[in-house]
Structure formats: structure tokens, C-alpha cells
Amino acid sequence: MPKLLLLEDDKILAETLVELLVSEDFKVTHVTDGEMALDETFVQEFDLLLLDVNVPFLNGFELLENLRKSGNTTPAIFITALSDITSLSHGFEVGADDYIKKPFDFDELLVRIGALLRKSFQSYSEKISLNEFIYNSMKNELYKENKFVKLAPYELQITKLFFKNLNQTVLKEWIFESLSQDKEMSEGALRVHINKLRKIGLPIETIKGIGYRLAKA
């Protein structure tokens, strides 16, 4: 289930968007000002940011600029009533991946969200194949020979990270950072999780002293 951060201070629009996104199987964290949004990005990792611009304390442009400068690369869409070319240009300058003007069609928003999520997995399809496995990036689910594979939360998070970086080395630091929002994890505990994923057949290579790589056998 992809996790979205929604920054929107219009109560009626926010309620409508939350209802829509939840019905599409997204997990939504809704905040009403930029400082709350910034705090949430420190507490948890999101798959996508939906950001209004004219919000209290820290506007959407300032928020995203701060996140990008700190190294946060989470895909971001501005949803705003600002329709002039200067605002549009500034939105992309501070790191937006997309920009949609209010009022907008809800179906169009869903299409744009889906496109960005697939792009973040370096794929034009929500289903990513590896040998006998299929990972569904929109549902965050793993299948083996078309059968659903039930994974513990940590293993699912690690699997997601591997498929997001398929055929590339995933540094141990990246994995720890991704999992440490719940609690600190030791290298021994990480090895246990990796071994469990190997037992179901995922071809995970150890890159000694650096990390791991999920690659086609």
C-alpha cells in the first residue's frame, strides 16, 4: 500500500482527496501546514508527496526546497490554484516532479500519481518481473508463480527497496535508514531478514562490506 503525504489546508478538498485516495488503496497522512508536513517526513518515509502551496508557516515551495536540499528524493506533485507561468516554473525549480492546477479532475490526479510511482520504480508498468517473481509496486505485494507471498513488515519494506533498485547495489545504510523509523536495527537482525527473503527464492547477492543486490539469476 503506497504511502502518501497530503499537505492541504482546505478542509473540504482534503476530506474529498483522502476519501478518494484511501478508496484507491493508498495510505494517506494528511497535514494542514508546512511545518507539520516537514515533521512527518522525519517520522516516516513516503512514496509520494501531494503539496498545496499557499499553506501556513512554511509554504509548499519552501517545504519541497528544504526537502530536496536535505537529500529527500520522494516524488512530489504540487496541487495549487497558482496558475501563472512564474509559479509553475518555480515549482519545478525547487524540485517538483509534476504540477497540477486547481480545480482539477480527480481521475487525472490518479493517473499522474500512478505514473510517478511507476517511474520511481524505473518501470512503465506497476508489475515488475524477476524470474518467477512479480512485485506489484502500486499494492506493495509480492507474488511467486502468481501466488501471493505473505511477508513480515520489515521483509516487505526490504523487498520494496530491492525492486526499486533492481540490479543495483543497495547500500546497507539505505536499508537501515528505511527501517530505522520504527526502531534501530542491528546488522545481525538485517542478515536474518535477508536470509528469510532468500529462503523464498529471491536472488539476493551480498556485496561484501557494502550492501546487497537483487538481480536476475
Protein backbone atom coordinates (compact mmCIF):
# COMPACT_ATOMS: atom_id res chain seq x y z
CA MET A 1 0.00 0.00 0.00
CA PRO A 2 1.77 3.21 -1.17
CA LYS A 3 2.12 5.90 1.48
CA LEU A 4 1.20 9.46 0.52
CA LEU A 5 1.68 12.72 2.40
CA LEU A 6 -1.09 15.21 1.64
CA LEU A 7 -0.46 18.86 2.52
CA GLU A 8 -3.75 20.69 2.08
CA ASP A 9 -5.39 23.30 4.34
CA ASP A 10 -8.75 23.38 2.54
CA LYS A 11 -10.80 21.11 4.80
CA ILE A 12 -13.44 20.10 2.24
CA LEU A 13 -10.93 19.38 -0.54
CA ALA A 14 -8.67 17.49 1.86
CA GLU A 15 -11.51 15.27 3.08
CA THR A 16 -12.50 14.53 -0.52
CA LEU A 17 -8.93 13.70 -1.53
CA VAL A 18 -8.33 11.47 1.49
CA GLU A 19 -11.55 9.56 0.79
CA LEU A 20 -10.62 9.17 -2.89
CA LEU A 21 -7.05 8.06 -2.23
CA VAL A 22 -7.97 5.62 0.53
CA SER A 23 -10.59 4.07 -1.80
CA GLU A 24 -7.73 3.53 -4.28
CA ASP A 25 -5.70 1.65 -1.63
CA PHE A 26 -3.33 4.45 -0.67
CA LYS A 27 -2.34 5.10 2.93
CA VAL A 28 -2.69 8.85 3.44
CA THR A 29 -1.20 11.13 6.08
CA HIS A 30 -2.95 14.49 5.95
CA VAL A 31 -1.47 17.70 7.38
CA THR A 32 -2.58 21.31 7.12
CA ASP A 33 0.64 23.32 7.31
CA GLY A 34 4.19 23.12 6.03
CA GLU A 35 5.85 22.61 9.39
CA MET A 36 3.63 19.62 10.15
CA ALA A 37 4.50 18.20 6.73
CA LEU A 38 8.22 18.64 7.37
CA ASP A 39 7.90 16.91 10.74
CA GLU A 40 6.10 13.95 9.14
CA THR A 41 8.91 13.44 6.61
CA PHE A 42 11.30 12.96 9.53
CA VAL A 43 8.98 10.47 11.22
CA GLN A 44 8.17 8.24 8.26
CA GLU A 45 9.09 7.54 4.64
CA PHE A 46 6.55 8.33 1.93
CA ASP A 47 6.18 7.09 -1.63
CA LEU A 48 4.77 10.39 -2.89
CA LEU A 49 4.09 13.94 -1.71
CA LEU A 50 0.95 15.89 -2.68
CA LEU A 51 1.61 19.51 -1.76
CA ASP A 52 -0.56 22.60 -1.78
CA VAL A 53 1.49 25.81 -2.00
CA ASN A 54 -0.36 28.50 -0.05
CA VAL A 55 -0.41 26.89 3.38
CA PRO A 56 0.51 28.27 6.84
CA PHE A 57 4.00 28.60 8.37
CA LEU A 58 6.02 27.00 5.56
CA ASN A 59 4.59 27.14 2.06
CA GLY A 60 4.77 24.21 -0.31
CA PHE A 61 7.61 25.67 -2.37
CA GLU A 62 9.74 26.28 0.72
CA LEU A 63 8.93 22.85 2.09
CA LEU A 64 9.97 20.98 -1.04
CA GLU A 65 13.09 23.11 -1.48
CA ASN A 66 14.16 22.22 2.08
CA LEU A 67 13.47 18.53 1.48
CA ARG A 68 15.45 18.43 -1.77
CA LYS A 69 18.40 20.22 -0.16
CA SER A 70 18.39 17.62 2.62
CA GLY A 71 18.58 14.81 0.05
CA ASN A 72 14.92 13.75 0.08
CA THR A 73 14.05 12.50 -3.43
CA THR A 74 10.44 11.43 -2.81
CA PRO A 75 8.33 12.18 -5.92
CA ALA A 76 6.25 15.33 -5.42
CA ILE A 77 3.21 16.85 -7.10
CA PHE A 78 2.09 20.41 -6.42
CA ILE A 79 -1.69 20.84 -6.33
CA THR A 80 -2.33 24.57 -6.33
CA ALA A 81 -4.52 27.42 -7.53
CA LEU A 82 -1.37 29.25 -8.70
CA SER A 83 -1.63 29.01 -12.48
CA ASP A 84 0.82 31.66 -13.70
CA ILE A 85 3.95 30.58 -15.55
CA THR A 86 6.24 32.10 -12.89
CA SER A 87 4.74 29.88 -10.17
CA LEU A 88 4.81 26.86 -12.48
CA SER A 89 8.48 27.48 -13.26
CA HIS A 90 9.35 28.00 -9.59
CA GLY A 91 7.59 24.78 -8.64
CA PHE A 92 9.81 22.74 -10.94
CA GLU A 93 12.91 24.71 -9.94
CA VAL A 94 12.51 23.68 -6.28
CA GLY A 95 12.18 20.02 -7.24
CA ALA A 96 8.61 19.16 -8.24
CA ASP A 97 8.01 16.14 -10.46
CA ASP A 98 4.58 17.34 -11.55
CA TYR A 99 2.28 20.34 -11.13
CA ILE A 100 -1.50 20.27 -11.36
CA LYS A 101 -3.70 23.36 -11.21
CA LYS A 102 -6.87 23.65 -9.17
CA PRO A 103 -9.62 22.86 -9.90
CA PHE A 104 -8.50 19.51 -11.31
CA ASP A 105 -10.11 16.27 -12.40
CA PHE A 106 -9.68 13.58 -9.74
CA ASP A 107 -9.15 10.86 -12.36
CA GLU A 108 -6.35 12.93 -13.89
CA LEU A 109 -4.70 13.22 -10.48
CA LEU A 110 -4.84 9.43 -10.04
CA VAL A 111 -3.26 8.94 -13.47
CA ARG A 112 -0.43 11.35 -12.60
CA ILE A 113 0.14 9.67 -9.22
CA GLY A 114 0.31 6.24 -10.83
CA ALA A 115 2.76 7.45 -13.48
CA LEU A 116 5.11 8.93 -10.88
CA LEU A 117 5.02 5.84 -8.68
CA ARG A 118 5.87 3.60 -11.63
CA LYS A 119 8.66 5.97 -12.63
CA SER A 120 10.13 5.78 -9.12
CA PHE A 121 10.45 2.02 -9.66
CA GLN A 122 12.13 2.67 -13.04
CA SER A 123 9.27 0.89 -14.77
CA TYR A 124 6.38 1.80 -17.09
CA SER A 125 4.31 -0.97 -15.50
CA GLU A 126 3.13 -1.38 -11.93
CA LYS A 127 4.13 -5.06 -12.14
CA ILE A 128 7.88 -5.69 -12.06
CA SER A 129 9.05 -9.19 -13.02
CA LEU A 130 12.12 -11.01 -11.75
CA ASN A 131 12.44 -14.71 -12.63
CA GLU A 132 9.34 -16.37 -11.15
CA PHE A 133 8.51 -13.33 -9.00
CA ILE A 134 6.22 -10.39 -9.70
CA TYR A 135 6.24 -7.32 -7.47
CA ASN A 136 3.23 -5.00 -7.66
CA SER A 137 4.52 -1.50 -6.88
CA MET A 138 1.05 0.03 -6.51
CA LYS A 139 -0.15 -2.55 -4.00
CA ASN A 140 3.27 -3.26 -2.44
CA GLU A 141 2.71 -7.00 -2.86
CA LEU A 142 4.99 -9.87 -3.92
CA TYR A 143 3.89 -12.90 -5.92
CA LYS A 144 5.77 -16.10 -6.76
CA GLU A 145 4.47 -18.13 -9.68
CA ASN A 146 1.30 -15.98 -9.45
CA LYS A 147 0.76 -16.90 -5.78
CA PHE A 148 0.72 -14.18 -3.12
CA VAL A 149 3.75 -14.25 -0.82
CA LYS A 150 2.97 -13.11 2.73
CA LEU A 151 5.90 -11.16 4.19
CA ALA A 152 6.55 -9.62 7.60
CA PRO A 153 6.60 -5.79 7.55
CA TYR A 154 10.40 -5.49 7.60
CA GLU A 155 10.86 -8.08 4.87
CA LEU A 156 8.24 -6.31 2.73
CA GLN A 157 9.99 -2.98 3.19
CA ILE A 158 13.34 -4.50 2.21
CA THR A 159 11.74 -6.21 -0.79
CA LYS A 160 10.28 -2.90 -1.92
CA LEU A 161 13.71 -1.26 -1.67
CA PHE A 162 15.29 -4.06 -3.72
CA PHE A 163 12.72 -3.88 -6.51
CA LYS A 164 13.02 -0.09 -6.54
CA ASN A 165 16.74 -0.58 -7.19
CA LEU A 166 16.61 -3.76 -9.25
CA ASN A 167 20.02 -4.94 -10.50
CA GLN A 168 21.70 -2.18 -8.46
CA THR A 169 23.62 -2.37 -5.20
CA VAL A 170 21.53 -1.28 -2.22
CA LEU A 171 23.79 0.06 0.49
CA LYS A 172 23.24 -1.28 4.00
CA GLU A 173 22.93 2.33 5.14
CA TRP A 174 19.93 2.78 2.83
CA ILE A 175 18.22 -0.25 4.32
CA PHE A 176 18.89 0.86 7.90
CA GLU A 177 17.60 4.34 7.08
CA SER A 178 14.45 2.90 5.53
CA LEU A 179 13.76 0.67 8.54
CA SER A 180 15.03 2.84 11.40
CA GLN A 181 11.85 4.92 11.54
CA ASP A 182 10.37 2.15 13.68
CA LYS A 183 13.44 1.21 15.73
CA GLU A 184 17.17 0.72 15.44
CA MET A 185 18.20 -2.46 13.65
CA SER A 186 21.45 -4.38 14.05
CA GLU A 187 23.44 -5.90 11.21
CA GLY A 188 22.65 -9.33 12.65
CA ALA A 189 18.92 -8.66 12.52
CA LEU A 190 19.25 -7.41 8.95
CA ARG A 191 21.02 -10.62 7.92
CA VAL A 192 18.16 -12.64 9.43
CA HIS A 193 15.63 -10.73 7.30
CA ILE A 194 17.77 -11.11 4.17
CA ASN A 195 18.08 -14.87 4.77
CA LYS A 196 14.30 -15.19 5.10
CA LEU A 197 13.89 -13.48 1.72
CA ARG A 198 16.49 -15.80 0.20
CA LYS A 199 14.59 -18.82 1.52
CA ILE A 200 11.54 -17.88 -0.54
CA GLY A 201 13.81 -17.76 -3.59
CA LEU A 202 14.71 -14.09 -4.10
CA PRO A 203 18.20 -13.99 -5.72
CA ILE A 204 19.84 -11.56 -3.29
CA GLU A 205 23.59 -11.16 -3.67
CA THR A 206 25.82 -9.97 -0.83
CA ILE A 207 28.19 -7.17 -1.84
CA LYS A 208 30.76 -7.68 0.88
CA GLY A 209 31.13 -4.74 3.24
CA ILE A 210 28.77 -2.59 1.18
CA GLY A 211 25.27 -4.00 0.90
CA TYR A 212 23.09 -6.26 -1.22
CA ARG A 213 21.78 -6.56 -4.76
CA LEU A 214 18.65 -8.17 -6.15
CA ALA A 215 19.46 -9.33 -9.67
CA LYS A 216 18.22 -11.83 -12.20
CA ALA A 217 19.76 -15.27 -11.72
